[in-house]
């Protein structure tokens, strides 16, 4: 983290919003922190943010970590530069302010009220199933993936770790540590949930390589000593599924997203038109799921 020479917008206007608007007019990306971020003590390159704070994005080349310059929230603050998790940021636009307009149920006509209730049900289902999926993925990492590092395991088995699991652990870490935060944060704001997926779209690219590797893993575990080892291990830990079944989890989850997000898109409501932004993302999920075919 380092202090930046950006002028303090609060010294003249008393608000950082006019300054943010000026930056956007000059083609500079301004984002808003959707929650507080406090860097780990050992991470000297990171910078802290408070929920609602605006930042200028300097470098977004890394999918999970962006270099930003903070826009001071008070006259006493100085602008600082540092790295922050990309999932903590949301694009700041005039449309965001409009789409966050809150209405009461009494102000909605019957069709809009029904659409809102249906979408809330979908969001609830998405959150609950994402929590279950994240737990299932971590279970496989703890009980199967880590077995491949056991020195007692024959070397020819350990050498097959990449062929069997591919980037399974990376996907598990992404869903448990990144996506789950965004889903939970916007669980009560259906209009913004789609943006969570759009913002993390590049992270979903890792699922494409997994889909390709999973087909190879299925062949490896169809018969032979590796299959026998993991089947015996499943019985030993009283698992009601075999590893060959667990490895289908990421692909099955992509199919779940397609169904849930498409159902959300199909619910028409004039007040929530920005939800159609995820239609393109749903299409991309279909392409990823079909990658191995």
Foldseek 3Di string as FASTA:
>chain_A
DFFDPDDAPCVPPVACVVVVVVCVVVVWWKKFFQAWDDDDPVFPQADTDHGGWIWTFDACPDLFKTWTWTHDGHPPDTIDIGIDTLLRIDTDDPVVVLLVDDDDLVPDDPLQNVLVVVLLVLLVVVLVVLVVLLVLLVCCCVQPLCVLVPPVDDPVSVVCSCLQCPVSVVVSCCSVPRLNVLSVSCSVPSLCSLVSCVSNVVVCVSLLVLLQSLVSNLVVLVDDDNVVVQVVSCVVVVHPDTSNVSSCSVLVVLVVCLVSLVVSCPSDDPSRPSSVVCVVVSVVSVCSSPSND
